[in-house]
């Protein structure tokens, strides 16, 4: 199965939502594809909030979708066609 390029915040919401609350694996291509930043993301539509585990340092973030641009690099990665779902 191939990786899915994320093209919008709405697509990220759809693909990171699971009824059971499980996290979904994503990655950001860095340095022109020489490296990856892996993330596990879960989206809760009731609170319009993302839960994000940054695997590089095992840090955890809870971010409302209105703050996703200021508190993460996910929208920047989407705009650069660098965010993918495994």
PDB file of N, CA and C in Angstrom:
ATOM      1  N   UNK A   1       0.843  -1.179   0.000  1.00  0.00           N
ATOM      2  CA  UNK A   1       0.000   0.000   0.000  1.00  0.00           C
ATOM      3  C   UNK A   1       0.889   1.242   0.000  1.00  0.00           C
ATOM      4  N   UNK A   2       0.531   2.231  -0.792  1.00  0.00           N
ATOM      5  CA  UNK A   2       1.355   3.430  -0.895  1.00  0.00           C
ATOM      6  C   UNK A   2       0.947   4.468   0.143  1.00  0.00           C
ATOM      7  N   UNK A   3       1.849   5.394   0.385  1.00  0.00           N
ATOM      8  CA  UNK A   3       1.588   6.485   1.308  1.00  0.00           C
ATOM      9  C   UNK A   3       0.606   7.458   0.673  1.00  0.00           C
ATOM     10  N   UNK A   4      -0.176   8.134   1.518  1.00  0.00           N
ATOM     11  CA  UNK A   4      -1.180   9.081   1.036  1.00  0.00           C
ATOM     12  C   UNK A   4      -0.709  10.490   1.355  1.00  0.00           C
ATOM     13  N   UNK A   5      -0.575  11.317   0.336  1.00  0.00           N
ATOM     14  CA  UNK A   5      -0.199  12.717   0.533  1.00  0.00           C
ATOM     15  C   UNK A   5      -1.390  13.472   1.119  1.00  0.00           C
ATOM     16  N   UNK A   6      -1.124  14.281   2.134  1.00  0.00           N
ATOM     17  CA  UNK A   6      -2.172  15.085   2.761  1.00  0.00           C
ATOM     18  C   UNK A   6      -2.200  16.436   2.065  1.00  0.00           C
ATOM     19  N   UNK A   7      -3.378  16.803   1.560  1.00  0.00           N
ATOM     20  CA  UNK A   7      -3.506  18.011   0.754  1.00  0.00           C
ATOM     21  C   UNK A   7      -4.266  19.141   1.435  1.00  0.00           C
ATOM     22  N   UNK A   8      -4.885  18.848   2.600  1.00  0.00           N
ATOM     23  CA  UNK A   8      -5.651  19.888   3.287  1.00  0.00           C
ATOM     24  C   UNK A   8      -5.847  19.516   4.749  1.00  0.00           C
ATOM     25  N   UNK A   9      -6.203  20.516   5.539  1.00  0.00           N
ATOM     26  CA  UNK A   9      -6.502  20.265   6.951  1.00  0.00           C
ATOM     27  C   UNK A   9      -7.714  19.355   7.082  1.00  0.00           C
ATOM     28  N   UNK A  10      -8.698  19.538   6.233  1.00  0.00           N
ATOM     29  CA  UNK A  10      -9.896  18.686   6.286  1.00  0.00           C
ATOM     30  C   UNK A  10      -9.554  17.230   6.003  1.00  0.00           C
ATOM     31  N   UNK A  11      -8.675  16.984   5.050  1.00  0.00           N
ATOM     32  CA  UNK A  11      -8.244  15.619   4.763  1.00  0.00           C
ATOM     33  C   UNK A  11      -7.485  15.033   5.958  1.00  0.00           C
ATOM     34  N   UNK A  12      -6.630  15.846   6.589  1.00  0.00           N
ATOM     35  CA  UNK A  12      -5.914  15.392   7.777  1.00  0.00           C
ATOM     36  C   UNK A  12      -6.904  15.015   8.879  1.00  0.00           C
ATOM     37  N   UNK A  13      -7.926  15.810   9.067  1.00  0.00           N
ATOM     38  CA  UNK A  13      -8.955  15.496  10.070  1.00  0.00           C
ATOM     39  C   UNK A  13      -9.608  14.154   9.764  1.00  0.00           C
ATOM     40  N   UNK A  14     -10.011  13.963   8.512  1.00  0.00           N
ATOM     41  CA  UNK A  14     -10.684  12.706   8.128  1.00  0.00           C
ATOM     42  C   UNK A  14      -9.783  11.495   8.343  1.00  0.00           C
ATOM     43  N   UNK A  15      -8.530  11.608   7.907  1.00  0.00           N
ATOM     44  CA  UNK A  15      -7.634  10.454   7.956  1.00  0.00           C
ATOM     45  C   UNK A  15      -7.085  10.171   9.359  1.00  0.00           C
ATOM     46  N   UNK A  16      -7.106  11.156  10.245  1.00  0.00           N
ATOM     47  CA  UNK A  16      -6.582  10.929  11.595  1.00  0.00           C
ATOM     48  C   UNK A  16      -7.687  10.625  12.604  1.00  0.00           C
ATOM     49  N   UNK A  17      -8.924  10.544  12.139  1.00  0.00           N
ATOM     50  CA  UNK A  17     -10.044  10.214  13.030  1.00  0.00           C
ATOM     51  C   UNK A  17     -10.321   8.712  13.011  1.00  0.00           C
ATOM     52  N   UNK A  18     -10.427   8.137  14.187  1.00  0.00           N
ATOM     53  CA  UNK A  18     -10.870   6.754  14.368  1.00  0.00           C
ATOM     54  C   UNK A  18     -11.940   6.760  15.443  1.00  0.00           C
ATOM     55  N   UNK A  19     -13.010   6.034  15.229  1.00  0.00           N
ATOM     56  CA  UNK A  19     -14.087   5.968  16.224  1.00  0.00           C
ATOM     57  C   UNK A  19     -13.576   5.510  17.578  1.00  0.00           C
ATOM     58  N   UNK A  20     -12.583   4.611  17.574  1.00  0.00           N
ATOM     59  CA  UNK A  20     -12.066   4.073  18.837  1.00  0.00           C
ATOM     60  C   UNK A  20     -10.967   4.938  19.443  1.00  0.00           C
ATOM     61  N   UNK A  21     -10.599   6.043  18.783  1.00  0.00           N
ATOM     62  CA  UNK A  21      -9.613   6.965  19.324  1.00  0.00           C
ATOM     63  C   UNK A  21      -8.164   6.592  19.075  1.00  0.00           C
ATOM     64  N   UNK A  22      -7.936   5.514  18.323  1.00  0.00           N
ATOM     65  CA  UNK A  22      -6.559   5.109  18.026  1.00  0.00           C
ATOM     66  C   UNK A  22      -5.823   6.184  17.223  1.00  0.00           C
ATOM     67  N   UNK A  23      -4.514   6.221  17.411  1.00  0.00           N
ATOM     68  CA  UNK A  23      -3.667   7.135  16.663  1.00  0.00           C
ATOM     69  C   UNK A  23      -3.371   6.547  15.285  1.00  0.00           C
ATOM     70  N   UNK A  24      -3.130   7.439  14.325  1.00  0.00           N
ATOM     71  CA  UNK A  24      -2.804   7.064  12.954  1.00  0.00           C
ATOM     72  C   UNK A  24      -1.385   7.549  12.680  1.00  0.00           C
ATOM     73  N   UNK A  25      -0.617   6.778  11.927  1.00  0.00           N
ATOM     74  CA  UNK A  25       0.781   7.109  11.664  1.00  0.00           C
ATOM     75  C   UNK A  25       0.919   7.990  10.428  1.00  0.00           C
ATOM     76  N   UNK A  26       1.659   9.088  10.614  1.00  0.00           N
ATOM     77  CA  UNK A  26       1.959  10.049   9.558  1.00  0.00           C
ATOM     78  C   UNK A  26       3.458  10.336   9.575  1.00  0.00           C
ATOM     79  N   UNK A  27       3.949  10.974   8.528  1.00  0.00           N
ATOM     80  CA  UNK A  27       5.328  11.449   8.538  1.00  0.00           C
ATOM     81  C   UNK A  27       5.451  12.698   7.686  1.00  0.00           C
ATOM     82  N   UNK A  28       6.453  13.505   8.037  1.00  0.00           N
ATOM     83  CA  UNK A  28       6.804  14.690   7.264  1.00  0.00           C
ATOM     84  C   UNK A  28       8.156  14.427   6.633  1.00  0.00           C
ATOM     85  N   UNK A  29       8.244  14.632   5.315  1.00  0.00           N
ATOM     86  CA  UNK A  29       9.530  14.520   4.631  1.00  0.00           C
ATOM     87  C   UNK A  29      10.354  15.763   4.923  1.00  0.00           C
ATOM     88  N   UNK A  30      11.604  15.552   5.284  1.00  0.00           N
ATOM     89  CA  UNK A  30      12.519  16.649   5.595  1.00  0.00           C
ATOM     90  C   UNK A  30      13.719  16.591   4.659  1.00  0.00           C
ATOM     91  N   UNK A  31      14.394  17.711   4.497  1.00  0.00           N
ATOM     92  CA  UNK A  31      15.631  17.793   3.715  1.00  0.00           C
ATOM     93  C   UNK A  31      15.462  17.174   2.329  1.00  0.00           C
ATOM     94  N   UNK A  32      14.368  17.538   1.677  1.00  0.00           N
ATOM     95  CA  UNK A  32      14.143  17.039   0.329  1.00  0.00           C
ATOM     96  C   UNK A  32      13.913  15.542   0.244  1.00  0.00           C
ATOM     97  N   UNK A  33      13.434  14.963   1.329  1.00  0.00           N
ATOM     98  CA  UNK A  33      13.141  13.537   1.350  1.00  0.00           C
ATOM     99  C   UNK A  33      14.250  12.675   1.925  1.00  0.00           C
ATOM    100  N   UNK A  34      15.333  13.288   2.400  1.00  0.00           N
ATOM    101  CA  UNK A  34      16.441  12.522   2.981  1.00  0.00           C
ATOM    102  C   UNK A  34      16.125  12.007   4.382  1.00  0.00           C
ATOM    103  N   UNK A  35      15.156  12.635   5.052  1.00  0.00           N
ATOM    104  CA  UNK A  35      14.796  12.227   6.412  1.00  0.00           C
ATOM    105  C   UNK A  35      13.286  12.336   6.582  1.00  0.00           C
ATOM    106  N   UNK A  36      12.795  11.693   7.644  1.00  0.00           N
ATOM    107  CA  UNK A  36      11.369  11.732   7.972  1.00  0.00           C
ATOM    108  C   UNK A  36      11.188  12.079   9.437  1.00  0.00           C
ATOM    109  N   UNK A  37      10.141  12.825   9.707  1.00  0.00           N
ATOM    110  CA  UNK A  37       9.726  13.104  11.070  1.00  0.00           C
ATOM    111  C   UNK A  37       8.401  12.371  11.272  1.00  0.00           C
ATOM    112  N   UNK A  38       8.426  11.284  12.021  1.00  0.00           N
ATOM    113  CA  UNK A  38       7.230  10.464  12.223  1.00  0.00           C
ATOM    114  C   UNK A  38       6.366  11.032  13.338  1.00  0.00           C
ATOM    115  N   UNK A  39       5.064  10.944  13.112  1.00  0.00           N
ATOM    116  CA  UNK A  39       4.091  11.434  14.077  1.00  0.00           C
ATOM    117  C   UNK A  39       2.924  10.465  14.131  1.00  0.00           C
ATOM    118  N   UNK A  40       2.366  10.323  15.319  1.00  0.00           N
ATOM    119  CA  UNK A  40       1.098   9.615  15.463  1.00  0.00           C
ATOM    120  C   UNK A  40       0.063  10.665  15.831  1.00  0.00           C
ATOM    121  N   UNK A  41      -1.020  10.690  15.063  1.00  0.00           N
ATOM    122  CA  UNK A  41      -2.020  11.746  15.218  1.00  0.00           C
ATOM    123  C   UNK A  41      -3.401  11.126  15.369  1.00  0.00           C
ATOM    124  N   UNK A  42      -4.177  11.714  16.273  1.00  0.00           N
ATOM    125  CA  UNK A  42      -5.572  11.347  16.454  1.00  0.00           C
ATOM    126  C   UNK A  42      -6.385  12.634  16.451  1.00  0.00           C
ATOM    127  N   UNK A  43      -7.552  12.596  15.805  1.00  0.00           N
ATOM    128  CA  UNK A  43      -8.420  13.768  15.744  1.00  0.00           C
ATOM    129  C   UNK A  43      -9.754  13.455  16.399  1.00  0.00           C
ATOM    130  N   UNK A  44     -10.214  14.375  17.246  1.00  0.00           N
ATOM    131  CA  UNK A  44     -11.512  14.238  17.901  1.00  0.00           C
ATOM    132  C   UNK A  44     -12.445  15.312  17.332  1.00  0.00           C
ATOM    133  N   UNK A  45     -13.426  14.924  16.518  1.00  0.00           N
ATOM    134  CA  UNK A  45     -14.305  15.923  15.906  1.00  0.00           C
ATOM    135  C   UNK A  45     -15.214  16.623  16.919  1.00  0.00           C
ATOM    136  N   UNK A  46     -15.509  15.986  18.043  1.00  0.00           N
ATOM    137  CA  UNK A  46     -16.377  16.610  19.042  1.00  0.00           C
ATOM    138  C   UNK A  46     -15.736  17.842  19.661  1.00  0.00           C
ATOM    139  N   UNK A  47     -14.429  17.783  19.877  1.00  0.00           N
ATOM    140  CA  UNK A  47     -13.709  18.921  20.459  1.00  0.00           C
ATOM    141  C   UNK A  47     -12.919  19.693  19.401  1.00  0.00           C
ATOM    142  N   UNK A  48     -12.922  19.201  18.158  1.00  0.00           N
ATOM    143  CA  UNK A  48     -12.141  19.786  17.053  1.00  0.00           C
ATOM    144  C   UNK A  48     -10.682  19.927  17.462  1.00  0.00           C
ATOM    145  N   UNK A  49     -10.153  18.835  18.038  1.00  0.00           N
ATOM    146  CA  UNK A  49      -8.809  18.856  18.605  1.00  0.00           C
ATOM    147  C   UNK A  49      -7.986  17.671  18.123  1.00  0.00           C
ATOM    148  N   UNK A  50      -6.707  17.950  17.881  1.00  0.00           N
ATOM    149  CA  UNK A  50      -5.750  16.914  17.513  1.00  0.00           C
ATOM    150  C   UNK A  50      -4.929  16.523  18.736  1.00  0.00           C
ATOM    151  N   UNK A  51      -4.614  15.246  18.839  1.00  0.00           N
ATOM    152  CA  UNK A  51      -3.622  14.745  19.786  1.00  0.00           C
ATOM    153  C   UNK A  51      -2.474  14.242  18.927  1.00  0.00           C
ATOM    154  N   UNK A  52      -1.263  14.689  19.257  1.00  0.00           N
ATOM    155  CA  UNK A  52      -0.099  14.410  18.408  1.00  0.00           C
ATOM    156  C   UNK A  52       1.039  13.874  19.256  1.00  0.00           C
ATOM    157  N   UNK A  53       1.582  12.734  18.849  1.00  0.00           N
ATOM    158  CA  UNK A  53       2.802  12.208  19.453  1.00  0.00           C
ATOM    159  C   UNK A  53       3.909  12.386  18.436  1.00  0.00           C
ATOM    160  N   UNK A  54       4.920  13.180  18.803  1.00  0.00           N
ATOM    161  CA  UNK A  54       6.085  13.397  17.949  1.00  0.00           C
ATOM    162  C   UNK A  54       7.101  12.321  18.300  1.00  0.00           C
ATOM    163  N   UNK A  55       7.285  11.372  17.411  1.00  0.00           N
ATOM    164  CA  UNK A  55       8.101  10.208  17.736  1.00  0.00           C
ATOM    165  C   UNK A  55       9.587  10.516  17.877  1.00  0.00           C
ATOM    166  N   UNK A  56      10.056  11.626  17.316  1.00  0.00           N
ATOM    167  CA  UNK A  56      11.475  11.955  17.404  1.00  0.00           C
ATOM    168  C   UNK A  56      11.913  12.148  18.860  1.00  0.00           C
ATOM    169  N   UNK A  57      11.031  12.722  19.676  1.00  0.00           N
ATOM    170  CA  UNK A  57      11.373  12.954  21.084  1.00  0.00           C
ATOM    171  C   UNK A  57      10.292  12.457  22.039  1.00  0.00           C
ATOM    172  N   UNK A  58       9.305  11.752  21.504  1.00  0.00           N
ATOM    173  CA  UNK A  58       8.209  11.182  22.286  1.00  0.00           C
ATOM    174  C   UNK A  58       7.385  12.254  23.009  1.00  0.00           C
ATOM    175  N   UNK A  59       7.398  13.479  22.464  1.00  0.00           N
ATOM    176  CA  UNK A  59       6.605  14.546  23.071  1.00  0.00           C
ATOM    177  C   UNK A  59       5.150  14.415  22.631  1.00  0.00           C
ATOM    178  N   UNK A  60       4.267  14.982  23.434  1.00  0.00           N
ATOM    179  CA  UNK A  60       2.827  14.894  23.206  1.00  0.00           C
ATOM    180  C   UNK A  60       2.236  16.296  23.166  1.00  0.00           C
ATOM    181  N   UNK A  61       1.342  16.521  22.217  1.00  0.00           N
ATOM    182  CA  UNK A  61       0.650  17.804  22.100  1.00  0.00           C
ATOM    183  C   UNK A  61      -0.838  17.558  21.938  1.00  0.00           C
ATOM    184  N   UNK A  62      -1.651  18.426  22.536  1.00  0.00           N
ATOM    185  CA  UNK A  62      -3.071  18.500  22.236  1.00  0.00           C
ATOM    186  C   UNK A  62      -3.299  19.889  21.670  1.00  0.00           C
ATOM    187  N   UNK A  63      -3.835  19.944  20.447  1.00  0.00           N
ATOM    188  CA  UNK A  63      -3.931  21.214  19.740  1.00  0.00           C
ATOM    189  C   UNK A  63      -5.310  21.343  19.101  1.00  0.00           C
ATOM    190  N   UNK A  64      -6.000  22.450  19.410  1.00  0.00           N
ATOM    191  CA  UNK A  64      -7.266  22.741  18.753  1.00  0.00           C
ATOM    192  C   UNK A  64      -6.969  23.077  17.289  1.00  0.00           C
ATOM    193  N   UNK A  65      -7.868  22.731  16.398  1.00  0.00           N
ATOM    194  CA  UNK A  65      -7.595  22.920  14.964  1.00  0.00           C
ATOM    195  C   UNK A  65      -7.358  24.386  14.602  1.00  0.00           C
ATOM    196  N   UNK A  66      -7.902  25.319  15.365  1.00  0.00           N
ATOM    197  CA  UNK A  66      -7.682  26.736  15.070  1.00  0.00           C
ATOM    198  C   UNK A  66      -6.261  27.178  15.433  1.00  0.00           C
ATOM    199  N   UNK A  67      -5.543  26.366  16.209  1.00  0.00           N
ATOM    200  CA  UNK A  67      -4.175  26.705  16.614  1.00  0.00           C
ATOM    201  C   UNK A  67      -3.139  25.785  15.963  1.00  0.00           C
ATOM    202  N   UNK A  68      -3.582  24.955  15.035  1.00  0.00           N
ATOM    203  CA  UNK A  68      -2.683  23.968  14.430  1.00  0.00           C
ATOM    204  C   UNK A  68      -1.521  24.654  13.693  1.00  0.00           C
ATOM    205  N   UNK A  69      -1.779  25.802  13.084  1.00  0.00           N
ATOM    206  CA  UNK A  69      -0.712  26.490  12.345  1.00  0.00           C
ATOM    207  C   UNK A  69       0.313  27.125  13.287  1.00  0.00           C
ATOM    208  N   UNK A  70      -0.136  27.695  14.389  1.00  0.00           N
ATOM    209  CA  UNK A  70       0.787  28.390  15.286  1.00  0.00           C
ATOM    210  C   UNK A  70       1.517  27.444  16.238  1.00  0.00           C
ATOM    211  N   UNK A  71       0.970  26.242  16.482  1.00  0.00           N
ATOM    212  CA  UNK A  71       1.564  25.350  17.472  1.00  0.00           C
ATOM    213  C   UNK A  71       2.220  24.094  16.887  1.00  0.00           C
ATOM    214  N   UNK A  72       2.072  23.894  15.580  1.00  0.00           N
ATOM    215  CA  UNK A  72       2.699  22.736  14.931  1.00  0.00           C
ATOM    216  C   UNK A  72       3.245  23.163  13.567  1.00  0.00           C
ATOM    217  N   UNK A  73       3.928  22.258  12.925  1.00  0.00           N
ATOM    218  CA  UNK A  73       4.403  22.506  11.558  1.00  0.00           C
ATOM    219  C   UNK A  73       3.570  21.735  10.530  1.00  0.00           C
ATOM    220  N   UNK A  74       2.400  21.260  10.923  1.00  0.00           N
ATOM    221  CA  UNK A  74       1.599  20.420  10.030  1.00  0.00           C
ATOM    222  C   UNK A  74       1.062  21.176   8.817  1.00  0.00           C
ATOM    223  N   UNK A  75       0.550  22.387   9.003  1.00  0.00           N
ATOM    224  CA  UNK A  75       0.032  23.127   7.844  1.00  0.00           C
ATOM    225  C   UNK A  75       1.146  23.533   6.896  1.00  0.00           C
ATOM    226  N   UNK A  76       2.299  23.866   7.450  1.00  0.00           N
ATOM    227  CA  UNK A  76       3.457  24.164   6.600  1.00  0.00           C
ATOM    228  C   UNK A  76       3.836  22.930   5.782  1.00  0.00           C
ATOM    229  N   UNK A  77       3.831  21.764   6.423  1.00  0.00           N
ATOM    230  CA  UNK A  77       4.152  20.517   5.718  1.00  0.00           C
ATOM    231  C   UNK A  77       3.126  20.223   4.631  1.00  0.00           C
ATOM    232  N   UNK A  78       1.853  20.488   4.917  1.00  0.00           N
ATOM    233  CA  UNK A  78       0.813  20.288   3.900  1.00  0.00           C
ATOM    234  C   UNK A  78       1.064  21.211   2.720  1.00  0.00           C
ATOM    235  N   UNK A  79       1.382  22.479   2.988  1.00  0.00           N
ATOM    236  CA  UNK A  79       1.595  23.438   1.901  1.00  0.00           C
ATOM    237  C   UNK A  79       2.818  23.088   1.058  1.00  0.00           C
ATOM    238  N   UNK A  80       3.784  22.380   1.643  1.00  0.00           N
ATOM    239  CA  UNK A  80       4.988  21.976   0.917  1.00  0.00           C
ATOM    240  C   UNK A  80       4.874  20.556   0.347  1.00  0.00           C
ATOM    241  N   UNK A  81       3.671  19.969   0.418  1.00  0.00           N
ATOM    242  CA  UNK A  81       3.441  18.604  -0.065  1.00  0.00           C
ATOM    243  C   UNK A  81       4.388  17.616   0.603  1.00  0.00           C
ATOM    244  N   UNK A  82       4.582  17.776   1.914  1.00  0.00           N
ATOM    245  CA  UNK A  82       5.535  16.949   2.662  1.00  0.00           C
ATOM    246  C   UNK A  82       4.909  16.080   3.728  1.00  0.00           C
ATOM    247  N   UNK A  83       3.595  16.184   3.943  1.00  0.00           N
ATOM    248  CA  UNK A  83       2.922  15.394   4.984  1.00  0.00           C
ATOM    249  C   UNK A  83       2.222  14.210   4.341  1.00  0.00           C
ATOM    250  N   UNK A  84       2.479  13.020   4.894  1.00  0.00           N
ATOM    251  CA  UNK A  84       1.924  11.785   4.345  1.00  0.00           C
ATOM    252  C   UNK A  84       1.387  10.891   5.452  1.00  0.00           C
ATOM    253  N   UNK A  85       0.374  10.132   5.113  1.00  0.00           N
ATOM    254  CA  UNK A  85      -0.123   9.063   5.975  1.00  0.00           C
ATOM    255  C   UNK A  85       0.566   7.786   5.523  1.00  0.00           C
ATOM    256  N   UNK A  86       1.106   7.015   6.491  1.00  0.00           N
ATOM    257  CA  UNK A  86       1.730   5.730   6.170  1.00  0.00           C
ATOM    258  C   UNK A  86       0.700   4.789   5.599  1.00  0.00           C
TER     259      UNK A  86
END
